[in-house]
């Protein structure tokens, strides 16, 4: 009888070893999948930040175009007459609750603001585009 019991224990130990191997393999697969998920999440965030930066740049660029249009609308030699709104340094009144830009039809996504900087012989304008949490600026001097 003792020999029969030993045989049963040895068979059960083989199952335990297989279970241990399966658990180790599952742990390794879980670790690899978590590392890959983390890498994908970081790349997604980086891509999203880059997209927002590009959107903010194009908002600043569109503000530049609008400001140049306003300067061209003035009579020859009067480009210095592009003045800020009263009580503000903004040349183009745009911002939350004002003139914004809607990219996807779901409401205002971003806006731009143009400010005249005090600089010696040149007229220097700083046009900043804001998109979500990102801001990009363009300086225009002439």
C-alpha atoms as a PDB file:
ATOM      1  CA  UNK A   1       0.000   0.000   0.000  1.00  0.00           C
ATOM      2  CA  UNK A   2       2.806   2.340   0.660  1.00  0.00           C
ATOM      3  CA  UNK A   3       4.017   1.941  -2.912  1.00  0.00           C
ATOM      4  CA  UNK A   4       0.584   2.914  -4.281  1.00  0.00           C
ATOM      5  CA  UNK A   5       0.464   6.091  -2.206  1.00  0.00           C
ATOM      6  CA  UNK A   6       3.910   7.151  -3.413  1.00  0.00           C
ATOM      7  CA  UNK A   7       2.842   6.741  -7.025  1.00  0.00           C
ATOM      8  CA  UNK A   8      -0.232   8.939  -6.459  1.00  0.00           C
ATOM      9  CA  UNK A   9       1.871  11.683  -4.844  1.00  0.00           C
ATOM     10  CA  UNK A  10       4.374  11.679  -7.740  1.00  0.00           C
ATOM     11  CA  UNK A  11       1.555  12.047 -10.291  1.00  0.00           C
ATOM     12  CA  UNK A  12       0.088  14.980  -8.338  1.00  0.00           C
ATOM     13  CA  UNK A  13       3.486  16.681  -8.193  1.00  0.00           C
ATOM     14  CA  UNK A  14       3.695  16.626 -11.986  1.00  0.00           C
ATOM     15  CA  UNK A  15       0.435  18.596 -12.117  1.00  0.00           C
ATOM     16  CA  UNK A  16       1.740  21.107  -9.613  1.00  0.00           C
ATOM     17  CA  UNK A  17       4.869  21.680 -11.676  1.00  0.00           C
ATOM     18  CA  UNK A  18       2.761  22.276 -14.781  1.00  0.00           C
ATOM     19  CA  UNK A  19       0.566  24.709 -12.841  1.00  0.00           C
ATOM     20  CA  UNK A  20       3.663  26.574 -11.644  1.00  0.00           C
ATOM     21  CA  UNK A  21       5.028  26.817 -15.202  1.00  0.00           C
ATOM     22  CA  UNK A  22       1.670  28.082 -16.495  1.00  0.00           C
ATOM     23  CA  UNK A  23       1.537  30.740 -13.735  1.00  0.00           C
ATOM     24  CA  UNK A  24       5.090  31.907 -14.531  1.00  0.00           C
ATOM     25  CA  UNK A  25       4.290  32.134 -18.270  1.00  0.00           C
ATOM     26  CA  UNK A  26       1.036  34.012 -17.538  1.00  0.00           C
ATOM     27  CA  UNK A  27       2.944  36.421 -15.259  1.00  0.00           C
ATOM     28  CA  UNK A  28       5.502  37.089 -18.006  1.00  0.00           C
ATOM     29  CA  UNK A  29       2.764  37.663 -20.574  1.00  0.00           C
ATOM     30  CA  UNK A  30       1.005  40.052 -18.188  1.00  0.00           C
ATOM     31  CA  UNK A  31       4.252  41.962 -17.609  1.00  0.00           C
ATOM     32  CA  UNK A  32       4.963  42.246 -21.348  1.00  0.00           C
ATOM     33  CA  UNK A  33       1.397  43.378 -22.084  1.00  0.00           C
ATOM     34  CA  UNK A  34       1.577  46.031 -19.346  1.00  0.00           C
ATOM     35  CA  UNK A  35       4.890  47.342 -20.711  1.00  0.00           C
ATOM     36  CA  UNK A  36       3.449  47.510 -24.241  1.00  0.00           C
ATOM     37  CA  UNK A  37       0.290  49.243 -22.992  1.00  0.00           C
ATOM     38  CA  UNK A  38       2.402  51.817 -21.163  1.00  0.00           C
ATOM     39  CA  UNK A  39       4.502  52.467 -24.285  1.00  0.00           C
ATOM     40  CA  UNK A  40       1.386  52.885 -26.433  1.00  0.00           C
ATOM     41  CA  UNK A  41      -0.184  55.265 -23.893  1.00  0.00           C
ATOM     42  CA  UNK A  42       2.951  57.436 -23.838  1.00  0.00           C
ATOM     43  CA  UNK A  43       3.133  57.560 -27.630  1.00  0.00           C
ATOM     44  CA  UNK A  44      -0.556  58.417 -27.847  1.00  0.00           C
ATOM     45  CA  UNK A  45      -0.037  61.323 -25.424  1.00  0.00           C
ATOM     46  CA  UNK A  46       3.004  62.532 -27.363  1.00  0.00           C
ATOM     47  CA  UNK A  47       1.069  62.373 -30.630  1.00  0.00           C
ATOM     48  CA  UNK A  48      -1.871  64.212 -29.093  1.00  0.00           C
ATOM     49  CA  UNK A  49       0.444  66.933 -27.722  1.00  0.00           C
ATOM     50  CA  UNK A  50       2.059  67.327 -31.149  1.00  0.00           C
ATOM     51  CA  UNK A  51      -1.369  67.624 -32.784  1.00  0.00           C
ATOM     52  CA  UNK A  52      -2.439  70.287 -30.293  1.00  0.00           C
ATOM     53  CA  UNK A  53       0.804  72.167 -30.907  1.00  0.00           C
ATOM     54  CA  UNK A  54       0.189  72.147 -34.657  1.00  0.00           C
ATOM     55  CA  UNK A  55      -3.397  73.337 -34.145  1.00  0.00           C
ATOM     56  CA  UNK A  56      -2.167  76.184 -31.909  1.00  0.00           C
ATOM     57  CA  UNK A  57       0.440  77.149 -34.516  1.00  0.00           C
ATOM     58  CA  UNK A  58      -2.187  77.302 -37.256  1.00  0.00           C
ATOM     59  CA  UNK A  59      -4.406  79.404 -35.009  1.00  0.00           C
ATOM     60  CA  UNK A  60      -1.512  81.847 -34.579  1.00  0.00           C
ATOM     61  CA  UNK A  61      -0.927  81.768 -38.328  1.00  0.00           C
ATOM     62  CA  UNK A  62      -4.589  82.508 -39.040  1.00  0.00           C
ATOM     63  CA  UNK A  63      -4.378  85.418 -36.589  1.00  0.00           C
ATOM     64  CA  UNK A  64      -1.378  86.685 -38.562  1.00  0.00           C
ATOM     65  CA  UNK A  65      -3.352  86.462 -41.781  1.00  0.00           C
ATOM     66  CA  UNK A  66      -6.279  88.306 -40.239  1.00  0.00           C
ATOM     67  CA  UNK A  67      -3.977  91.036 -38.919  1.00  0.00           C
ATOM     68  CA  UNK A  68      -2.279  91.421 -42.301  1.00  0.00           C
ATOM     69  CA  UNK A  69      -5.725  91.680 -43.900  1.00  0.00           C
ATOM     70  CA  UNK A  70      -6.628  94.443 -41.454  1.00  0.00           C
ATOM     71  CA  UNK A  71      -3.382  96.274 -42.272  1.00  0.00           C
ATOM     72  CA  UNK A  72      -4.047  96.001 -46.024  1.00  0.00           C
ATOM     73  CA  UNK A  73      -7.541  97.394 -45.529  1.00  0.00           C
ATOM     74  CA  UNK A  74      -6.034 100.634 -44.198  1.00  0.00           C
ATOM     75  CA  UNK A  75      -4.976 103.389 -46.576  1.00  0.00           C
ATOM     76  CA  UNK A  76      -1.347 103.345 -47.811  1.00  0.00           C
ATOM     77  CA  UNK A  77       1.188 104.147 -45.074  1.00  0.00           C
ATOM     78  CA  UNK A  78      -1.279 103.931 -42.166  1.00  0.00           C
ATOM     79  CA  UNK A  79      -0.389 100.453 -40.867  1.00  0.00           C
ATOM     80  CA  UNK A  80       0.563 102.048 -37.514  1.00  0.00           C
ATOM     81  CA  UNK A  81      -3.130 102.807 -37.060  1.00  0.00           C
ATOM     82  CA  UNK A  82      -3.907  99.193 -36.173  1.00  0.00           C
ATOM     83  CA  UNK A  83      -4.552  99.962 -32.526  1.00  0.00           C
ATOM     84  CA  UNK A  84      -5.610  97.857 -29.572  1.00  0.00           C
ATOM     85  CA  UNK A  85      -9.169  97.890 -28.363  1.00  0.00           C
ATOM     86  CA  UNK A  86      -9.733 100.381 -25.549  1.00  0.00           C
ATOM     87  CA  UNK A  87      -8.432  99.139 -22.196  1.00  0.00           C
ATOM     88  CA  UNK A  88      -6.596  96.213 -23.766  1.00  0.00           C
ATOM     89  CA  UNK A  89      -3.340  95.412 -25.479  1.00  0.00           C
ATOM     90  CA  UNK A  90      -5.074  93.000 -27.846  1.00  0.00           C
ATOM     91  CA  UNK A  91      -5.101  94.023 -31.494  1.00  0.00           C
ATOM     92  CA  UNK A  92      -7.514  91.281 -32.475  1.00  0.00           C
ATOM     93  CA  UNK A  93     -10.214  90.739 -29.847  1.00  0.00           C
ATOM     94  CA  UNK A  94     -10.379  86.977 -29.767  1.00  0.00           C
ATOM     95  CA  UNK A  95     -10.588  84.602 -26.859  1.00  0.00           C
ATOM     96  CA  UNK A  96     -12.956  82.498 -24.779  1.00  0.00           C
ATOM     97  CA  UNK A  97     -16.432  83.911 -25.154  1.00  0.00           C
ATOM     98  CA  UNK A  98     -15.307  86.059 -28.094  1.00  0.00           C
ATOM     99  CA  UNK A  99     -14.281  85.140 -31.612  1.00  0.00           C
ATOM    100  CA  UNK A 100     -13.033  81.573 -31.507  1.00  0.00           C
ATOM    101  CA  UNK A 101     -12.406  78.906 -34.100  1.00  0.00           C
ATOM    102  CA  UNK A 102     -14.360  75.676 -34.342  1.00  0.00           C
ATOM    103  CA  UNK A 103     -12.472  72.802 -35.988  1.00  0.00           C
ATOM    104  CA  UNK A 104     -14.908  69.933 -35.638  1.00  0.00           C
ATOM    105  CA  UNK A 105     -18.370  71.464 -35.323  1.00  0.00           C
ATOM    106  CA  UNK A 106     -18.543  70.791 -31.574  1.00  0.00           C
ATOM    107  CA  UNK A 107     -18.016  74.299 -30.241  1.00  0.00           C
ATOM    108  CA  UNK A 108     -15.047  76.651 -29.970  1.00  0.00           C
ATOM    109  CA  UNK A 109     -11.823  74.645 -29.894  1.00  0.00           C
ATOM    110  CA  UNK A 110      -9.265  77.423 -29.906  1.00  0.00           C
ATOM    111  CA  UNK A 111      -8.610  81.095 -30.395  1.00  0.00           C
ATOM    112  CA  UNK A 112      -5.816  83.529 -31.136  1.00  0.00           C
ATOM    113  CA  UNK A 113      -4.687  86.823 -29.719  1.00  0.00           C
ATOM    114  CA  UNK A 114      -2.513  89.505 -31.306  1.00  0.00           C
ATOM    115  CA  UNK A 115      -0.532  91.927 -29.152  1.00  0.00           C
ATOM    116  CA  UNK A 116       1.601  94.854 -30.281  1.00  0.00           C
ATOM    117  CA  UNK A 117       5.020  94.766 -28.604  1.00  0.00           C
ATOM    118  CA  UNK A 118       6.970  97.907 -27.842  1.00  0.00           C
ATOM    119  CA  UNK A 119      10.118  97.657 -29.913  1.00  0.00           C
ATOM    120  CA  UNK A 120      12.443 100.379 -31.196  1.00  0.00           C
ATOM    121  CA  UNK A 121      12.581 100.923 -34.985  1.00  0.00           C
ATOM    122  CA  UNK A 122      10.349  98.016 -36.019  1.00  0.00           C
ATOM    123  CA  UNK A 123       6.692  97.328 -35.496  1.00  0.00           C
ATOM    124  CA  UNK A 124       6.623  93.956 -33.721  1.00  0.00           C
ATOM    125  CA  UNK A 125       3.442  91.971 -33.299  1.00  0.00           C
ATOM    126  CA  UNK A 126       3.090  88.777 -31.297  1.00  0.00           C
ATOM    127  CA  UNK A 127       0.226  86.560 -32.400  1.00  0.00           C
ATOM    128  CA  UNK A 128      -0.490  83.649 -30.077  1.00  0.00           C
ATOM    129  CA  UNK A 129      -2.706  80.691 -30.915  1.00  0.00           C
ATOM    130  CA  UNK A 130      -4.357  78.757 -28.086  1.00  0.00           C
ATOM    131  CA  UNK A 131      -5.680  75.246 -28.549  1.00  0.00           C
ATOM    132  CA  UNK A 132      -6.814  73.292 -25.480  1.00  0.00           C
ATOM    133  CA  UNK A 133      -3.787  73.414 -23.132  1.00  0.00           C
ATOM    134  CA  UNK A 134      -1.258  74.459 -25.770  1.00  0.00           C
ATOM    135  CA  UNK A 135      -0.110  77.879 -26.926  1.00  0.00           C
ATOM    136  CA  UNK A 136       2.133  78.707 -29.890  1.00  0.00           C
ATOM    137  CA  UNK A 137       3.238  82.198 -30.846  1.00  0.00           C
ATOM    138  CA  UNK A 138       4.348  83.859 -34.066  1.00  0.00           C
ATOM    139  CA  UNK A 139       6.227  87.160 -34.105  1.00  0.00           C
ATOM    140  CA  UNK A 140       5.675  89.452 -37.035  1.00  0.00           C
ATOM    141  CA  UNK A 141       7.926  92.461 -37.532  1.00  0.00           C
ATOM    142  CA  UNK A 142       7.984  95.071 -40.292  1.00  0.00           C
END
